[in-house]
Amino acid sequence: MVPPQEQYAFIPYLVVEKTYEFRVFGVNLAGRGEPSDTSPPVCIKPTRGYCAFELAYIGYRVPTTL
């Protein structure tokens, strides 16, 4: 879960060169809301400065308002 004031959720351990799609939904005292539409596909790309082991699994910041 992400606190309401946060605009991004960090998703760790994603595989480099794999494509992901994301959905978000809200939760409050009334319960869970409907999920958002699916995000456009995101292909995880390595960034400079990672060693070989770290390139296998990196994280991605997903906007909480898709």
N, C-alpha and C. Protein backbone atom coordinates (compact mmCIF):
# COMPACT_ATOMS: atom_id res chain seq x y z
N MET A 1 0.84 -1.17 0.00
CA MET A 1 0.00 0.00 0.00
C MET A 1 0.88 1.24 0.00
N VAL A 2 0.33 2.29 -0.56
CA VAL A 2 1.04 3.56 -0.67
C VAL A 2 0.21 4.61 0.07
N PRO A 3 0.83 5.41 0.93
CA PRO A 3 0.07 6.47 1.62
C PRO A 3 -0.56 7.44 0.63
N PRO A 4 -1.68 8.06 0.98
CA PRO A 4 -2.41 8.93 0.04
C PRO A 4 -1.60 10.09 -0.51
N GLN A 5 -0.63 10.59 0.27
CA GLN A 5 0.14 11.74 -0.20
C GLN A 5 1.21 11.35 -1.23
N GLU A 6 1.49 10.08 -1.39
CA GLU A 6 2.50 9.63 -2.35
C GLU A 6 1.94 9.62 -3.77
N GLN A 7 2.77 10.02 -4.72
CA GLN A 7 2.35 10.02 -6.12
C GLN A 7 2.91 8.84 -6.90
N TYR A 8 3.82 8.07 -6.28
CA TYR A 8 4.42 6.93 -6.94
C TYR A 8 4.52 5.76 -5.97
N ALA A 9 4.46 4.56 -6.51
CA ALA A 9 4.75 3.34 -5.76
C ALA A 9 5.98 2.71 -6.39
N PHE A 10 6.96 2.32 -5.58
CA PHE A 10 8.16 1.70 -6.10
C PHE A 10 7.95 0.19 -6.13
N ILE A 11 8.09 -0.40 -7.30
CA ILE A 11 7.92 -1.85 -7.47
C ILE A 11 9.32 -2.45 -7.63
N PRO A 12 9.82 -3.17 -6.63
CA PRO A 12 11.18 -3.71 -6.72
C PRO A 12 11.24 -5.05 -7.46
N TYR A 13 12.43 -5.44 -7.81
CA TYR A 13 12.73 -6.77 -8.36
C TYR A 13 12.03 -7.07 -9.67
N LEU A 14 12.04 -6.11 -10.58
CA LEU A 14 11.52 -6.35 -11.91
C LEU A 14 12.66 -6.80 -12.82
N VAL A 15 12.35 -7.63 -13.77
CA VAL A 15 13.37 -8.21 -14.64
C VAL A 15 13.66 -7.27 -15.80
N VAL A 16 14.93 -6.99 -16.03
CA VAL A 16 15.37 -6.11 -17.11
C VAL A 16 14.98 -6.73 -18.45
N GLU A 17 14.56 -5.88 -19.38
CA GLU A 17 14.13 -6.24 -20.74
C GLU A 17 12.81 -7.00 -20.77
N LYS A 18 12.10 -7.06 -19.66
CA LYS A 18 10.76 -7.64 -19.63
C LYS A 18 9.75 -6.50 -19.63
N THR A 19 8.61 -6.70 -20.26
CA THR A 19 7.58 -5.67 -20.34
C THR A 19 6.50 -5.94 -19.30
N TYR A 20 6.09 -4.87 -18.61
CA TYR A 20 5.06 -4.96 -17.58
C TYR A 20 3.95 -3.96 -17.88
N GLU A 21 2.75 -4.27 -17.38
CA GLU A 21 1.62 -3.35 -17.40
C GLU A 21 1.14 -3.23 -15.95
N PHE A 22 0.65 -2.06 -15.57
CA PHE A 22 0.27 -1.82 -14.18
C PHE A 22 -1.15 -1.30 -14.09
N ARG A 23 -1.79 -1.57 -12.93
CA ARG A 23 -3.10 -1.02 -12.59
C ARG A 23 -3.02 -0.57 -11.13
N VAL A 24 -3.75 0.46 -10.80
CA VAL A 24 -3.81 0.93 -9.42
C VAL A 24 -5.27 1.01 -8.99
N PHE A 25 -5.48 0.95 -7.68
CA PHE A 25 -6.83 1.14 -7.14
C PHE A 25 -6.71 1.76 -5.76
N GLY A 26 -7.76 2.43 -5.36
CA GLY A 26 -7.78 3.08 -4.07
C GLY A 26 -8.45 2.21 -3.01
N VAL A 27 -8.03 2.40 -1.77
CA VAL A 27 -8.64 1.70 -0.64
C VAL A 27 -8.89 2.75 0.45
N ASN A 28 -10.09 2.74 1.00
CA ASN A 28 -10.41 3.62 2.12
C ASN A 28 -11.41 2.92 3.04
N LEU A 29 -12.02 3.64 3.96
CA LEU A 29 -12.96 3.02 4.90
C LEU A 29 -14.15 2.38 4.21
N ALA A 30 -14.50 2.86 3.03
CA ALA A 30 -15.63 2.29 2.29
C ALA A 30 -15.25 1.01 1.56
N GLY A 31 -13.96 0.72 1.51
CA GLY A 31 -13.51 -0.51 0.84
C GLY A 31 -12.57 -0.21 -0.32
N ARG A 32 -12.41 -1.19 -1.17
CA ARG A 32 -11.52 -1.09 -2.33
C ARG A 32 -12.28 -0.57 -3.54
N GLY A 33 -11.68 0.38 -4.24
CA GLY A 33 -12.30 0.92 -5.44
C GLY A 33 -12.01 0.06 -6.66
N GLU A 34 -12.57 0.45 -7.76
CA GLU A 34 -12.32 -0.25 -9.02
C GLU A 34 -10.89 0.02 -9.49
N PRO A 35 -10.24 -0.97 -10.08
CA PRO A 35 -8.89 -0.73 -10.60
C PRO A 35 -8.90 0.23 -11.77
N SER A 36 -7.78 0.92 -11.95
CA SER A 36 -7.64 1.84 -13.08
C SER A 36 -7.55 1.03 -14.37
N ASP A 37 -7.62 1.74 -15.48
CA ASP A 37 -7.30 1.10 -16.75
C ASP A 37 -5.84 0.66 -16.70
N THR A 38 -5.49 -0.31 -17.49
CA THR A 38 -4.11 -0.80 -17.53
C THR A 38 -3.21 0.27 -18.13
N SER A 39 -2.03 0.43 -17.55
CA SER A 39 -1.07 1.40 -18.07
C SER A 39 -0.56 0.95 -19.43
N PRO A 40 0.04 1.86 -20.18
CA PRO A 40 0.74 1.42 -21.39
C PRO A 40 1.87 0.48 -20.98
N PRO A 41 2.26 -0.45 -21.85
CA PRO A 41 3.36 -1.35 -21.51
C PRO A 41 4.65 -0.58 -21.21
N VAL A 42 5.36 -1.05 -20.19
CA VAL A 42 6.63 -0.45 -19.79
C VAL A 42 7.70 -1.53 -19.87
N CYS A 43 8.74 -1.29 -20.69
CA CYS A 43 9.86 -2.23 -20.78
C CYS A 43 10.95 -1.73 -19.83
N ILE A 44 11.35 -2.57 -18.91
CA ILE A 44 12.35 -2.20 -17.91
C ILE A 44 13.73 -2.19 -18.56
N LYS A 45 14.39 -1.05 -18.47
CA LYS A 45 15.71 -0.87 -19.08
C LYS A 45 16.76 -0.70 -18.00
N PRO A 46 17.96 -1.24 -18.19
CA PRO A 46 19.02 -1.03 -17.20
C PRO A 46 19.48 0.42 -17.21
N THR A 47 19.97 0.85 -16.09
CA THR A 47 20.55 2.19 -16.00
C THR A 47 22.04 2.07 -15.72
N ARG A 48 22.76 3.10 -16.02
CA ARG A 48 24.21 3.07 -15.82
C ARG A 48 24.54 2.87 -14.35
N GLY A 49 25.65 2.20 -14.11
CA GLY A 49 26.13 2.07 -12.75
C GLY A 49 25.72 0.80 -12.03
N TYR A 50 24.97 -0.08 -12.67
CA TYR A 50 24.56 -1.32 -12.03
C TYR A 50 25.56 -2.43 -12.35
N CYS A 51 25.83 -3.29 -11.37
CA CYS A 51 26.69 -4.44 -11.65
C CYS A 51 25.86 -5.53 -12.31
N ALA A 52 26.47 -6.60 -12.76
CA ALA A 52 25.77 -7.66 -13.50
C ALA A 52 24.61 -8.25 -12.70
N PHE A 53 24.81 -8.50 -11.40
CA PHE A 53 23.75 -9.07 -10.59
C PHE A 53 22.56 -8.12 -10.49
N GLU A 54 22.84 -6.85 -10.28
CA GLU A 54 21.76 -5.87 -10.13
C GLU A 54 20.99 -5.66 -11.42
N LEU A 55 21.61 -5.92 -12.56
CA LEU A 55 20.90 -5.74 -13.83
C LEU A 55 19.76 -6.73 -13.99
N ALA A 56 19.82 -7.83 -13.29
CA ALA A 56 18.76 -8.83 -13.42
C ALA A 56 17.45 -8.36 -12.81
N TYR A 57 17.52 -7.63 -11.71
CA TYR A 57 16.31 -7.22 -11.01
C TYR A 57 16.45 -5.77 -10.56
N ILE A 58 15.69 -4.89 -11.17
CA ILE A 58 15.67 -3.50 -10.73
C ILE A 58 14.23 -3.11 -10.45
N GLY A 59 14.03 -1.96 -9.89
CA GLY A 59 12.69 -1.52 -9.55
C GLY A 59 12.17 -0.49 -10.53
N TYR A 60 10.89 -0.16 -10.39
CA TYR A 60 10.24 0.82 -11.25
C TYR A 60 9.26 1.63 -10.41
N ARG A 61 9.24 2.93 -10.63
CA ARG A 61 8.29 3.79 -9.93
C ARG A 61 7.01 3.90 -10.76
N VAL A 62 5.91 3.42 -10.22
CA VAL A 62 4.62 3.44 -10.91
C VAL A 62 3.81 4.62 -10.40
N PRO A 63 3.31 5.50 -11.29
CA PRO A 63 2.44 6.59 -10.82
C PRO A 63 1.19 6.03 -10.17
N THR A 64 0.77 6.62 -9.07
CA THR A 64 -0.44 6.13 -8.39
C THR A 64 -1.71 6.71 -9.01
N THR A 65 -1.55 7.56 -10.02
CA THR A 65 -2.71 8.10 -10.73
C THR A 65 -2.52 7.79 -12.22
N LEU A 66 -2.91 6.61 -12.63
CA LEU A 66 -2.74 6.22 -14.04
C LEU A 66 -3.86 6.74 -14.90
